[in-house]
PDB file of N, CA and C in Angstrom:
ATOM      1  N   UNK A   1       9.127   8.259  41.343  1.00  0.00           N
ATOM      2  CA  UNK A   1       9.763   8.523  42.616  1.00  0.00           C
ATOM      3  C   UNK A   1       9.938  10.021  42.856  1.00  0.00           C
ATOM      4  N   UNK A   2      10.039  10.807  41.788  1.00  0.00           N
ATOM      5  CA  UNK A   2      10.262  12.244  41.902  1.00  0.00           C
ATOM      6  C   UNK A   2       9.142  12.928  42.685  1.00  0.00           C
ATOM      7  N   UNK A   3       7.894  12.451  42.536  1.00  0.00           N
ATOM      8  CA  UNK A   3       6.776  13.049  43.251  1.00  0.00           C
ATOM      9  C   UNK A   3       6.857  12.802  44.752  1.00  0.00           C
ATOM     10  N   UNK A   4       7.600  11.783  45.167  1.00  0.00           N
ATOM     11  CA  UNK A   4       7.708  11.424  46.572  1.00  0.00           C
ATOM     12  C   UNK A   4       8.887  12.114  47.261  1.00  0.00           C
ATOM     13  N   UNK A   5       9.667  12.887  46.545  1.00  0.00           N
ATOM     14  CA  UNK A   5      10.838  13.522  47.114  1.00  0.00           C
ATOM     15  C   UNK A   5      10.449  14.480  48.232  1.00  0.00           C
ATOM     16  N   UNK A   6      11.081  14.310  49.380  1.00  0.00           N
ATOM     17  CA  UNK A   6      10.836  15.201  50.508  1.00  0.00           C
ATOM     18  C   UNK A   6      11.530  16.531  50.298  1.00  0.00           C
ATOM     19  N   UNK A   7      10.896  17.586  50.712  1.00  0.00           N
ATOM     20  CA  UNK A   7      11.530  18.896  50.769  1.00  0.00           C
ATOM     21  C   UNK A   7      12.480  18.897  51.969  1.00  0.00           C
ATOM     22  N   UNK A   8      13.435  19.814  51.967  1.00  0.00           N
ATOM     23  CA  UNK A   8      14.435  19.867  53.035  1.00  0.00           C
ATOM     24  C   UNK A   8      13.782  19.985  54.413  1.00  0.00           C
ATOM     25  N   UNK A   9      12.791  20.845  54.560  1.00  0.00           N
ATOM     26  CA  UNK A   9      12.141  21.023  55.865  1.00  0.00           C
ATOM     27  C   UNK A   9      11.442  19.747  56.332  1.00  0.00           C
ATOM     28  N   UNK A  10      10.821  19.024  55.422  1.00  0.00           N
ATOM     29  CA  UNK A  10      10.198  17.745  55.764  1.00  0.00           C
ATOM     30  C   UNK A  10      11.251  16.745  56.229  1.00  0.00           C
ATOM     31  N   UNK A  11      12.382  16.758  55.547  1.00  0.00           N
ATOM     32  CA  UNK A  11      13.490  15.863  55.881  1.00  0.00           C
ATOM     33  C   UNK A  11      14.006  16.157  57.297  1.00  0.00           C
ATOM     34  N   UNK A  12      14.232  17.420  57.599  1.00  0.00           N
ATOM     35  CA  UNK A  12      14.711  17.815  58.938  1.00  0.00           C
ATOM     36  C   UNK A  12      13.677  17.449  59.995  1.00  0.00           C
ATOM     37  N   UNK A  13      12.405  17.609  59.681  1.00  0.00           N
ATOM     38  CA  UNK A  13      11.354  17.219  60.629  1.00  0.00           C
ATOM     39  C   UNK A  13      11.402  15.732  60.937  1.00  0.00           C
ATOM     40  N   UNK A  14      11.658  14.900  59.928  1.00  0.00           N
ATOM     41  CA  UNK A  14      11.787  13.462  60.164  1.00  0.00           C
ATOM     42  C   UNK A  14      12.950  13.164  61.107  1.00  0.00           C
ATOM     43  N   UNK A  15      14.061  13.845  60.900  1.00  0.00           N
ATOM     44  CA  UNK A  15      15.212  13.652  61.787  1.00  0.00           C
ATOM     45  C   UNK A  15      14.856  14.073  63.205  1.00  0.00           C
ATOM     46  N   UNK A  16      14.278  15.253  63.352  1.00  0.00           N
ATOM     47  CA  UNK A  16      13.928  15.780  64.676  1.00  0.00           C
ATOM     48  C   UNK A  16      12.924  14.891  65.404  1.00  0.00           C
ATOM     49  N   UNK A  17      12.008  14.316  64.654  1.00  0.00           N
ATOM     50  CA  UNK A  17      10.954  13.491  65.231  1.00  0.00           C
ATOM     51  C   UNK A  17      11.449  12.090  65.615  1.00  0.00           C
ATOM     52  N   UNK A  18      12.434  11.569  64.880  1.00  0.00           N
ATOM     53  CA  UNK A  18      12.811  10.165  65.051  1.00  0.00           C
ATOM     54  C   UNK A  18      14.164   9.903  65.699  1.00  0.00           C
ATOM     55  N   UNK A  19      15.019  10.899  65.788  1.00  0.00           N
ATOM     56  CA  UNK A  19      16.339  10.680  66.382  1.00  0.00           C
ATOM     57  C   UNK A  19      16.483  11.462  67.674  1.00  0.00           C
ATOM     58  N   UNK A  20      17.049  10.830  68.650  1.00  0.00           N
ATOM     59  CA  UNK A  20      17.311  11.437  69.954  1.00  0.00           C
ATOM     60  C   UNK A  20      18.744  11.112  70.353  1.00  0.00           C
ATOM     61  N   UNK A  21      19.232  11.793  71.371  1.00  0.00           N
ATOM     62  CA  UNK A  21      20.541  11.446  71.926  1.00  0.00           C
ATOM     63  C   UNK A  21      20.484   9.975  72.344  1.00  0.00           C
ATOM     64  N   UNK A  22      21.541   9.254  72.028  1.00  0.00           N
ATOM     65  CA  UNK A  22      21.700   7.820  72.300  1.00  0.00           C
ATOM     66  C   UNK A  22      20.933   6.910  71.339  1.00  0.00           C
ATOM     67  N   UNK A  23      20.303   7.462  70.285  1.00  0.00           N
ATOM     68  CA  UNK A  23      19.688   6.594  69.279  1.00  0.00           C
ATOM     69  C   UNK A  23      20.766   5.696  68.692  1.00  0.00           C
ATOM     70  N   UNK A  24      20.485   4.417  68.630  1.00  0.00           N
ATOM     71  CA  UNK A  24      21.411   3.408  68.126  1.00  0.00           C
ATOM     72  C   UNK A  24      21.451   3.471  66.600  1.00  0.00           C
ATOM     73  N   UNK A  25      22.639   3.701  66.040  1.00  0.00           N
ATOM     74  CA  UNK A  25      22.824   3.730  64.584  1.00  0.00           C
ATOM     75  C   UNK A  25      23.738   2.600  64.120  1.00  0.00           C
ATOM     76  N   UNK A  26      23.826   1.533  64.904  1.00  0.00           N
ATOM     77  CA  UNK A  26      24.676   0.402  64.563  1.00  0.00           C
ATOM     78  C   UNK A  26      24.044  -0.490  63.508  1.00  0.00           C
ATOM     79  N   UNK A  27      24.897  -1.046  62.668  1.00  0.00           N
ATOM     80  CA  UNK A  27      24.494  -2.149  61.805  1.00  0.00           C
ATOM     81  C   UNK A  27      24.816  -3.426  62.584  1.00  0.00           C
ATOM     82  N   UNK A  28      24.566  -4.568  61.991  1.00  0.00           N
ATOM     83  CA  UNK A  28      24.887  -5.821  62.685  1.00  0.00           C
ATOM     84  C   UNK A  28      26.399  -6.018  62.847  1.00  0.00           C
ATOM     85  N   UNK A  29      27.210  -5.191  62.184  1.00  0.00           N
ATOM     86  CA  UNK A  29      28.665  -5.340  62.244  1.00  0.00           C
ATOM     87  C   UNK A  29      29.344  -4.256  63.094  1.00  0.00           C
ATOM     88  N   UNK A  30      28.582  -3.375  63.745  1.00  0.00           N
ATOM     89  CA  UNK A  30      29.186  -2.296  64.523  1.00  0.00           C
ATOM     90  C   UNK A  30      28.604  -2.270  65.936  1.00  0.00           C
ATOM     91  N   UNK A  31      29.283  -1.545  66.831  1.00  0.00           N
ATOM     92  CA  UNK A  31      28.832  -1.540  68.223  1.00  0.00           C
ATOM     93  C   UNK A  31      28.812  -0.170  68.892  1.00  0.00           C
ATOM     94  N   UNK A  32      29.478   0.832  68.366  1.00  0.00           N
ATOM     95  CA  UNK A  32      29.634   2.091  69.087  1.00  0.00           C
ATOM     96  C   UNK A  32      28.976   3.294  68.414  1.00  0.00           C
ATOM     97  N   UNK A  33      28.076   3.092  67.509  1.00  0.00           N
ATOM     98  CA  UNK A  33      27.488   4.214  66.759  1.00  0.00           C
ATOM     99  C   UNK A  33      26.170   4.659  67.391  1.00  0.00           C
ATOM    100  N   UNK A  34      26.266   5.773  68.112  1.00  0.00           N
ATOM    101  CA  UNK A  34      25.106   6.329  68.798  1.00  0.00           C
ATOM    102  C   UNK A  34      25.072   7.836  68.598  1.00  0.00           C
ATOM    103  N   UNK A  35      23.861   8.387  68.503  1.00  0.00           N
ATOM    104  CA  UNK A  35      23.710   9.837  68.392  1.00  0.00           C
ATOM    105  C   UNK A  35      24.236  10.464  69.682  1.00  0.00           C
ATOM    106  N   UNK A  36      25.126  11.425  69.535  1.00  0.00           N
ATOM    107  CA  UNK A  36      25.715  12.114  70.677  1.00  0.00           C
ATOM    108  C   UNK A  36      25.068  13.475  70.894  1.00  0.00           C
ATOM    109  N   UNK A  37      24.698  14.150  69.792  1.00  0.00           N
ATOM    110  CA  UNK A  37      24.154  15.508  69.885  1.00  0.00           C
ATOM    111  C   UNK A  37      23.353  15.818  68.615  1.00  0.00           C
ATOM    112  N   UNK A  38      22.269  16.554  68.776  1.00  0.00           N
ATOM    113  CA  UNK A  38      21.483  17.045  67.635  1.00  0.00           C
ATOM    114  C   UNK A  38      21.134  18.510  67.918  1.00  0.00           C
ATOM    115  N   UNK A  39      21.291  19.361  66.914  1.00  0.00           N
ATOM    116  CA  UNK A  39      20.780  20.721  67.017  1.00  0.00           C
ATOM    117  C   UNK A  39      20.033  21.048  65.733  1.00  0.00           C
ATOM    118  N   UNK A  40      19.847  22.306  65.436  1.00  0.00           N
ATOM    119  CA  UNK A  40      19.039  22.702  64.276  1.00  0.00           C
ATOM    120  C   UNK A  40      19.706  22.472  62.933  1.00  0.00           C
ATOM    121  N   UNK A  41      21.020  22.271  62.899  1.00  0.00           N
ATOM    122  CA  UNK A  41      21.718  22.169  61.619  1.00  0.00           C
ATOM    123  C   UNK A  41      22.586  20.923  61.459  1.00  0.00           C
ATOM    124  N   UNK A  42      22.884  20.228  62.545  1.00  0.00           N
ATOM    125  CA  UNK A  42      23.731  19.044  62.393  1.00  0.00           C
ATOM    126  C   UNK A  42      23.465  18.009  63.478  1.00  0.00           C
ATOM    127  N   UNK A  43      24.035  16.852  63.237  1.00  0.00           N
ATOM    128  CA  UNK A  43      23.962  15.740  64.174  1.00  0.00           C
ATOM    129  C   UNK A  43      25.392  15.256  64.413  1.00  0.00           C
ATOM    130  N   UNK A  44      25.699  14.928  65.652  1.00  0.00           N
ATOM    131  CA  UNK A  44      27.006  14.371  66.005  1.00  0.00           C
ATOM    132  C   UNK A  44      26.789  12.930  66.437  1.00  0.00           C
ATOM    133  N   UNK A  45      27.670  12.041  65.960  1.00  0.00           N
ATOM    134  CA  UNK A  45      27.497  10.612  66.196  1.00  0.00           C
ATOM    135  C   UNK A  45      28.809  10.019  66.687  1.00  0.00           C
ATOM    136  N   UNK A  46      28.732   9.269  67.803  1.00  0.00           N
ATOM    137  CA  UNK A  46      29.887   8.479  68.228  1.00  0.00           C
ATOM    138  C   UNK A  46      30.085   7.378  67.203  1.00  0.00           C
ATOM    139  N   UNK A  47      31.332   7.196  66.755  1.00  0.00           N
ATOM    140  CA  UNK A  47      31.634   6.091  65.841  1.00  0.00           C
ATOM    141  C   UNK A  47      32.647   5.146  66.486  1.00  0.00           C
ATOM    142  N   UNK A  48      32.998   5.433  67.693  1.00  0.00           N
ATOM    143  CA  UNK A  48      33.906   4.628  68.492  1.00  0.00           C
ATOM    144  C   UNK A  48      33.762   5.116  69.915  1.00  0.00           C
ATOM    145  N   UNK A  49      34.512   4.554  70.798  1.00  0.00           N
ATOM    146  CA  UNK A  49      34.396   4.983  72.203  1.00  0.00           C
ATOM    147  C   UNK A  49      34.701   6.463  72.379  1.00  0.00           C
ATOM    148  N   UNK A  50      35.680   6.988  71.620  1.00  0.00           N
ATOM    149  CA  UNK A  50      36.103   8.378  71.801  1.00  0.00           C
ATOM    150  C   UNK A  50      36.106   9.196  70.528  1.00  0.00           C
ATOM    151  N   UNK A  51      35.532   8.681  69.451  1.00  0.00           N
ATOM    152  CA  UNK A  51      35.550   9.386  68.170  1.00  0.00           C
ATOM    153  C   UNK A  51      34.133   9.794  67.793  1.00  0.00           C
ATOM    154  N   UNK A  52      34.008  11.043  67.358  1.00  0.00           N
ATOM    155  CA  UNK A  52      32.704  11.596  66.981  1.00  0.00           C
ATOM    156  C   UNK A  52      32.820  12.189  65.580  1.00  0.00           C
ATOM    157  N   UNK A  53      31.796  11.967  64.759  1.00  0.00           N
ATOM    158  CA  UNK A  53      31.704  12.654  63.473  1.00  0.00           C
ATOM    159  C   UNK A  53      30.521  13.609  63.519  1.00  0.00           C
ATOM    160  N   UNK A  54      30.628  14.674  62.754  1.00  0.00           N
ATOM    161  CA  UNK A  54      29.580  15.684  62.680  1.00  0.00           C
ATOM    162  C   UNK A  54      29.057  15.723  61.248  1.00  0.00           C
ATOM    163  N   UNK A  55      27.747  15.631  61.112  1.00  0.00           N
ATOM    164  CA  UNK A  55      27.103  15.633  59.799  1.00  0.00           C
ATOM    165  C   UNK A  55      26.041  16.718  59.766  1.00  0.00           C
ATOM    166  N   UNK A  56      26.118  17.577  58.769  1.00  0.00           N
ATOM    167  CA  UNK A  56      25.072  18.591  58.638  1.00  0.00           C
ATOM    168  C   UNK A  56      23.821  17.956  58.029  1.00  0.00           C
ATOM    169  N   UNK A  57      22.667  18.491  58.391  1.00  0.00           N
ATOM    170  CA  UNK A  57      21.426  18.014  57.784  1.00  0.00           C
ATOM    171  C   UNK A  57      21.474  18.234  56.278  1.00  0.00           C
ATOM    172  N   UNK A  58      22.092  19.325  55.874  1.00  0.00           N
ATOM    173  CA  UNK A  58      22.207  19.630  54.450  1.00  0.00           C
ATOM    174  C   UNK A  58      22.980  18.538  53.705  1.00  0.00           C
ATOM    175  N   UNK A  59      24.089  18.066  54.269  1.00  0.00           N
ATOM    176  CA  UNK A  59      24.861  17.023  53.588  1.00  0.00           C
ATOM    177  C   UNK A  59      24.112  15.696  53.568  1.00  0.00           C
ATOM    178  N   UNK A  60      23.404  15.381  54.643  1.00  0.00           N
ATOM    179  CA  UNK A  60      22.613  14.140  54.669  1.00  0.00           C
ATOM    180  C   UNK A  60      21.489  14.241  53.634  1.00  0.00           C
ATOM    181  N   UNK A  61      20.871  15.406  53.547  1.00  0.00           N
ATOM    182  CA  UNK A  61      19.805  15.624  52.564  1.00  0.00           C
ATOM    183  C   UNK A  61      20.351  15.496  51.146  1.00  0.00           C
ATOM    184  N   UNK A  62      21.545  16.011  50.899  1.00  0.00           N
ATOM    185  CA  UNK A  62      22.172  15.870  49.577  1.00  0.00           C
ATOM    186  C   UNK A  62      22.390  14.391  49.242  1.00  0.00           C
ATOM    187  N   UNK A  63      22.771  13.594  50.238  1.00  0.00           N
ATOM    188  CA  UNK A  63      22.903  12.142  50.010  1.00  0.00           C
ATOM    189  C   UNK A  63      21.559  11.535  49.641  1.00  0.00           C
ATOM    190  N   UNK A  64      20.504  11.985  50.299  1.00  0.00           N
ATOM    191  CA  UNK A  64      19.149  11.521  49.988  1.00  0.00           C
ATOM    192  C   UNK A  64      18.769  11.867  48.544  1.00  0.00           C
ATOM    193  N   UNK A  65      19.010  13.124  48.145  1.00  0.00           N
ATOM    194  CA  UNK A  65      18.668  13.533  46.779  1.00  0.00           C
ATOM    195  C   UNK A  65      19.477  12.762  45.745  1.00  0.00           C
ATOM    196  N   UNK A  66      20.754  12.543  46.024  1.00  0.00           N
ATOM    197  CA  UNK A  66      21.597  11.773  45.098  1.00  0.00           C
ATOM    198  C   UNK A  66      21.124  10.323  45.022  1.00  0.00           C
ATOM    199  N   UNK A  67      20.632   9.788  46.128  1.00  0.00           N
ATOM    200  CA  UNK A  67      20.081   8.434  46.132  1.00  0.00           C
ATOM    201  C   UNK A  67      18.884   8.351  45.198  1.00  0.00           C
ATOM    202  N   UNK A  68      18.038   9.356  45.219  1.00  0.00           N
ATOM    203  CA  UNK A  68      16.885   9.380  44.311  1.00  0.00           C
ATOM    204  C   UNK A  68      17.370   9.395  42.862  1.00  0.00           C
ATOM    205  N   UNK A  69      18.390  10.202  42.593  1.00  0.00           N
ATOM    206  CA  UNK A  69      18.939  10.268  41.225  1.00  0.00           C
ATOM    207  C   UNK A  69      19.584   8.947  40.804  1.00  0.00           C
ATOM    208  N   UNK A  70      20.022   8.148  41.766  1.00  0.00           N
ATOM    209  CA  UNK A  70      20.681   6.861  41.481  1.00  0.00           C
ATOM    210  C   UNK A  70      19.717   5.699  41.666  1.00  0.00           C
ATOM    211  N   UNK A  71      18.478   5.882  41.286  1.00  0.00           N
ATOM    212  CA  UNK A  71      17.464   4.821  41.296  1.00  0.00           C
ATOM    213  C   UNK A  71      17.136   4.271  42.678  1.00  0.00           C
ATOM    214  N   UNK A  72      17.286   5.112  43.711  1.00  0.00           N
ATOM    215  CA  UNK A  72      16.836   4.725  45.043  1.00  0.00           C
ATOM    216  C   UNK A  72      17.788   3.871  45.844  1.00  0.00           C
ATOM    217  N   UNK A  73      19.028   3.720  45.403  1.00  0.00           N
ATOM    218  CA  UNK A  73      20.013   2.915  46.133  1.00  0.00           C
ATOM    219  C   UNK A  73      21.106   3.823  46.680  1.00  0.00           C
ATOM    220  N   UNK A  74      21.259   3.820  48.016  1.00  0.00           N
ATOM    221  CA  UNK A  74      22.308   4.588  48.688  1.00  0.00           C
ATOM    222  C   UNK A  74      23.459   3.656  49.030  1.00  0.00           C
ATOM    223  N   UNK A  75      24.698   4.126  48.789  1.00  0.00           N
ATOM    224  CA  UNK A  75      25.880   3.336  49.120  1.00  0.00           C
ATOM    225  C   UNK A  75      27.111   4.241  49.210  1.00  0.00           C
ATOM    226  N   UNK A  76      28.270   3.633  49.295  1.00  0.00           N
ATOM    227  CA  UNK A  76      29.536   4.357  49.460  1.00  0.00           C
ATOM    228  C   UNK A  76      29.781   5.355  48.332  1.00  0.00           C
ATOM    229  N   UNK A  77      29.424   5.012  47.111  1.00  0.00           N
ATOM    230  CA  UNK A  77      29.653   5.916  45.988  1.00  0.00           C
ATOM    231  C   UNK A  77      28.945   7.254  46.189  1.00  0.00           C
ATOM    232  N   UNK A  78      27.743   7.210  46.695  1.00  0.00           N
ATOM    233  CA  UNK A  78      26.995   8.444  46.939  1.00  0.00           C
ATOM    234  C   UNK A  78      27.646   9.234  48.064  1.00  0.00           C
ATOM    235  N   UNK A  79      28.009   8.559  49.129  1.00  0.00           N
ATOM    236  CA  UNK A  79      28.630   9.230  50.264  1.00  0.00           C
ATOM    237  C   UNK A  79      29.956   9.875  49.848  1.00  0.00           C
ATOM    238  N   UNK A  80      30.734   9.192  49.026  1.00  0.00           N
ATOM    239  CA  UNK A  80      32.005   9.745  48.549  1.00  0.00           C
ATOM    240  C   UNK A  80      31.784  10.960  47.658  1.00  0.00           C
ATOM    241  N   UNK A  81      30.695  10.982  46.926  1.00  0.00           N
ATOM    242  CA  UNK A  81      30.379  12.125  46.072  1.00  0.00           C
ATOM    243  C   UNK A  81      30.054  13.360  46.908  1.00  0.00           C
ATOM    244  N   UNK A  82      29.277  13.191  47.960  1.00  0.00           N
ATOM    245  CA  UNK A  82      28.790  14.311  48.769  1.00  0.00           C
ATOM    246  C   UNK A  82      29.797  14.695  49.862  1.00  0.00           C
ATOM    247  N   UNK A  83      30.403  13.708  50.494  1.00  0.00           N
ATOM    248  CA  UNK A  83      31.320  13.944  51.618  1.00  0.00           C
ATOM    249  C   UNK A  83      32.650  13.215  51.388  1.00  0.00           C
ATOM    250  N   UNK A  84      33.413  13.596  50.372  1.00  0.00           N
ATOM    251  CA  UNK A  84      34.620  12.833  50.027  1.00  0.00           C
ATOM    252  C   UNK A  84      35.662  12.765  51.142  1.00  0.00           C
ATOM    253  N   UNK A  85      35.966  13.868  51.786  1.00  0.00           N
ATOM    254  CA  UNK A  85      36.990  13.854  52.828  1.00  0.00           C
ATOM    255  C   UNK A  85      36.550  13.068  54.051  1.00  0.00           C
ATOM    256  N   UNK A  86      35.335  13.307  54.492  1.00  0.00           N
ATOM    257  CA  UNK A  86      34.843  12.601  55.669  1.00  0.00           C
ATOM    258  C   UNK A  86      34.729  11.103  55.409  1.00  0.00           C
ATOM    259  N   UNK A  87      34.288  10.729  54.217  1.00  0.00           N
ATOM    260  CA  UNK A  87      34.178   9.309  53.878  1.00  0.00           C
ATOM    261  C   UNK A  87      35.558   8.663  53.827  1.00  0.00           C
ATOM    262  N   UNK A  88      36.523   9.372  53.278  1.00  0.00           N
ATOM    263  CA  UNK A  88      37.889   8.849  53.213  1.00  0.00           C
ATOM    264  C   UNK A  88      38.489   8.704  54.625  1.00  0.00           C
ATOM    265  N   UNK A  89      38.254   9.682  55.491  1.00  0.00           N
ATOM    266  CA  UNK A  89      38.825   9.653  56.839  1.00  0.00           C
ATOM    267  C   UNK A  89      38.085   8.724  57.793  1.00  0.00           C
ATOM    268  N   UNK A  90      36.791   8.574  57.586  1.00  0.00           N
ATOM    269  CA  UNK A  90      35.951   7.719  58.444  1.00  0.00           C
ATOM    270  C   UNK A  90      34.978   6.970  57.552  1.00  0.00           C
ATOM    271  N   UNK A  91      35.401   5.817  57.060  1.00  0.00           N
ATOM    272  CA  UNK A  91      34.580   5.039  56.138  1.00  0.00           C
ATOM    273  C   UNK A  91      33.214   4.678  56.690  1.00  0.00           C
ATOM    274  N   UNK A  92      33.109   4.614  58.012  1.00  0.00           N
ATOM    275  CA  UNK A  92      31.819   4.261  58.615  1.00  0.00           C
ATOM    276  C   UNK A  92      30.771   5.357  58.423  1.00  0.00           C
ATOM    277  N   UNK A  93      31.174   6.524  57.937  1.00  0.00           N
ATOM    278  CA  UNK A  93      30.218   7.595  57.630  1.00  0.00           C
ATOM    279  C   UNK A  93      29.119   7.079  56.703  1.00  0.00           C
ATOM    280  N   UNK A  94      29.501   6.196  55.782  1.00  0.00           N
ATOM    281  CA  UNK A  94      28.532   5.619  54.843  1.00  0.00           C
ATOM    282  C   UNK A  94      27.387   4.957  55.606  1.00  0.00           C
ATOM    283  N   UNK A  95      27.727   4.104  56.560  1.00  0.00           N
ATOM    284  CA  UNK A  95      26.694   3.377  57.298  1.00  0.00           C
ATOM    285  C   UNK A  95      26.003   4.242  58.339  1.00  0.00           C
ATOM    286  N   UNK A  96      26.688   5.217  58.893  1.00  0.00           N
ATOM    287  CA  UNK A  96      26.022   6.130  59.826  1.00  0.00           C
ATOM    288  C   UNK A  96      24.878   6.837  59.102  1.00  0.00           C
ATOM    289  N   UNK A  97      25.156   7.367  57.922  1.00  0.00           N
ATOM    290  CA  UNK A  97      24.106   8.036  57.145  1.00  0.00           C
ATOM    291  C   UNK A  97      23.033   7.031  56.726  1.00  0.00           C
ATOM    292  N   UNK A  98      23.442   5.852  56.298  1.00  0.00           N
ATOM    293  CA  UNK A  98      22.474   4.818  55.928  1.00  0.00           C
ATOM    294  C   UNK A  98      21.548   4.471  57.077  1.00  0.00           C
ATOM    295  N   UNK A  99      22.111   4.360  58.281  1.00  0.00           N
ATOM    296  CA  UNK A  99      21.279   4.028  59.435  1.00  0.00           C
ATOM    297  C   UNK A  99      20.420   5.218  59.878  1.00  0.00           C
ATOM    298  N   UNK A 100      20.873   6.432  59.636  1.00  0.00           N
ATOM    299  CA  UNK A 100      20.007   7.592  59.871  1.00  0.00           C
ATOM    300  C   UNK A 100      18.790   7.473  58.956  1.00  0.00           C
ATOM    301  N   UNK A 101      19.037   7.179  57.677  1.00  0.00           N
ATOM    302  CA  UNK A 101      17.926   6.990  56.736  1.00  0.00           C
ATOM    303  C   UNK A 101      16.986   5.885  57.216  1.00  0.00           C
ATOM    304  N   UNK A 102      17.555   4.797  57.721  1.00  0.00           N
ATOM    305  CA  UNK A 102      16.764   3.677  58.222  1.00  0.00           C
ATOM    306  C   UNK A 102      15.921   4.109  59.430  1.00  0.00           C
ATOM    307  N   UNK A 103      16.550   4.762  60.385  1.00  0.00           N
ATOM    308  CA  UNK A 103      15.862   5.131  61.629  1.00  0.00           C
ATOM    309  C   UNK A 103      14.774   6.185  61.424  1.00  0.00           C
ATOM    310  N   UNK A 104      14.898   6.996  60.389  1.00  0.00           N
ATOM    311  CA  UNK A 104      13.851   8.001  60.147  1.00  0.00           C
ATOM    312  C   UNK A 104      12.792   7.483  59.172  1.00  0.00           C
ATOM    313  N   UNK A 105      12.933   6.213  58.756  1.00  0.00           N
ATOM    314  CA  UNK A 105      11.898   5.563  57.962  1.00  0.00           C
ATOM    315  C   UNK A 105      11.939   5.813  56.470  1.00  0.00           C
ATOM    316  N   UNK A 106      13.097   6.268  55.934  1.00  0.00           N
ATOM    317  CA  UNK A 106      13.201   6.524  54.495  1.00  0.00           C
ATOM    318  C   UNK A 106      13.776   5.353  53.714  1.00  0.00           C
ATOM    319  N   UNK A 107      14.639   4.579  54.352  1.00  0.00           N
ATOM    320  CA  UNK A 107      15.332   3.497  53.645  1.00  0.00           C
ATOM    321  C   UNK A 107      15.453   2.287  54.543  1.00  0.00           C
ATOM    322  N   UNK A 108      15.799   1.188  53.914  1.00  0.00           N
ATOM    323  CA  UNK A 108      16.106  -0.031  54.643  1.00  0.00           C
ATOM    324  C   UNK A 108      17.404  -0.601  54.083  1.00  0.00           C
ATOM    325  N   UNK A 109      18.168  -1.258  54.945  1.00  0.00           N
ATOM    326  CA  UNK A 109      19.423  -1.868  54.502  1.00  0.00           C
ATOM    327  C   UNK A 109      19.095  -3.155  53.756  1.00  0.00           C
ATOM    328  N   UNK A 110      19.584  -3.259  52.509  1.00  0.00           N
ATOM    329  CA  UNK A 110      19.273  -4.432  51.686  1.00  0.00           C
ATOM    330  C   UNK A 110      20.465  -5.358  51.503  1.00  0.00           C
ATOM    331  N   UNK A 111      21.647  -4.901  51.896  1.00  0.00           N
ATOM    332  CA  UNK A 111      22.847  -5.738  51.864  1.00  0.00           C
ATOM    333  C   UNK A 111      23.889  -5.091  52.766  1.00  0.00           C
ATOM    334  N   UNK A 112      25.060  -5.684  52.874  1.00  0.00           N
ATOM    335  CA  UNK A 112      26.118  -5.104  53.704  1.00  0.00           C
ATOM    336  C   UNK A 112      26.589  -3.754  53.185  1.00  0.00           C
ATOM    337  N   UNK A 113      26.284  -3.431  51.930  1.00  0.00           N
ATOM    338  CA  UNK A 113      26.797  -2.207  51.322  1.00  0.00           C
ATOM    339  C   UNK A 113      25.733  -1.247  50.801  1.00  0.00           C
ATOM    340  N   UNK A 114      24.478  -1.658  50.782  1.00  0.00           N
ATOM    341  CA  UNK A 114      23.448  -0.843  50.128  1.00  0.00           C
ATOM    342  C   UNK A 114      22.205  -0.659  50.991  1.00  0.00           C
ATOM    343  N   UNK A 115      21.610   0.518  50.822  1.00  0.00           N
ATOM    344  CA  UNK A 115      20.326   0.869  51.430  1.00  0.00           C
ATOM    345  C   UNK A 115      19.402   1.271  50.308  1.00  0.00           C
ATOM    346  N   UNK A 116      18.106   0.950  50.462  1.00  0.00           N
ATOM    347  CA  UNK A 116      17.147   1.269  49.410  1.00  0.00           C
ATOM    348  C   UNK A 116      16.007   2.099  49.976  1.00  0.00           C
ATOM    349  N   UNK A 117      15.585   3.094  49.200  1.00  0.00           N
ATOM    350  CA  UNK A 117      14.432   3.905  49.585  1.00  0.00           C
ATOM    351  C   UNK A 117      13.205   3.002  49.650  1.00  0.00           C
ATOM    352  N   UNK A 118      12.416   3.168  50.705  1.00  0.00           N
ATOM    353  CA  UNK A 118      11.187   2.361  50.862  1.00  0.00           C
ATOM    354  C   UNK A 118       9.956   3.211  50.617  1.00  0.00           C
TER     355      UNK A 118
END
C-alpha cells in the first residue's frame, strides 16, 4: 500500500477536481452536510442548518496518511488523533472527512463507523 500513497499535491488535486460548493457529504444517517466553501488551503462544510466546520487540506491529508498506517481503515480513532478538539466538539467531523474521502474516490464506507481505502 505504501507505493500507492498520494503525495500532498495529488491529494489536493483530487479534492479540487471532485468537490464543489453544495457537494453532498451526507451518510445515510445525516441530512445537512454540504460543502459550503473551498479555497486553496481548506474546505468549509455545513454540518447543520447554521453550523459550519472548517478543515484544512493538511489535516485531512494527515488523516489519510494515518489511515494508511492503520491498515487502510479510517474511523473515529484516527480523527481524534489528528483533530482532537474538533472531533470532541463536533463528532460528525469523523464522517465529514470519511465522506470527503469517499467523494474523491479514495475510500468507501464499509460500516456505520469505518471507511476503507479502495
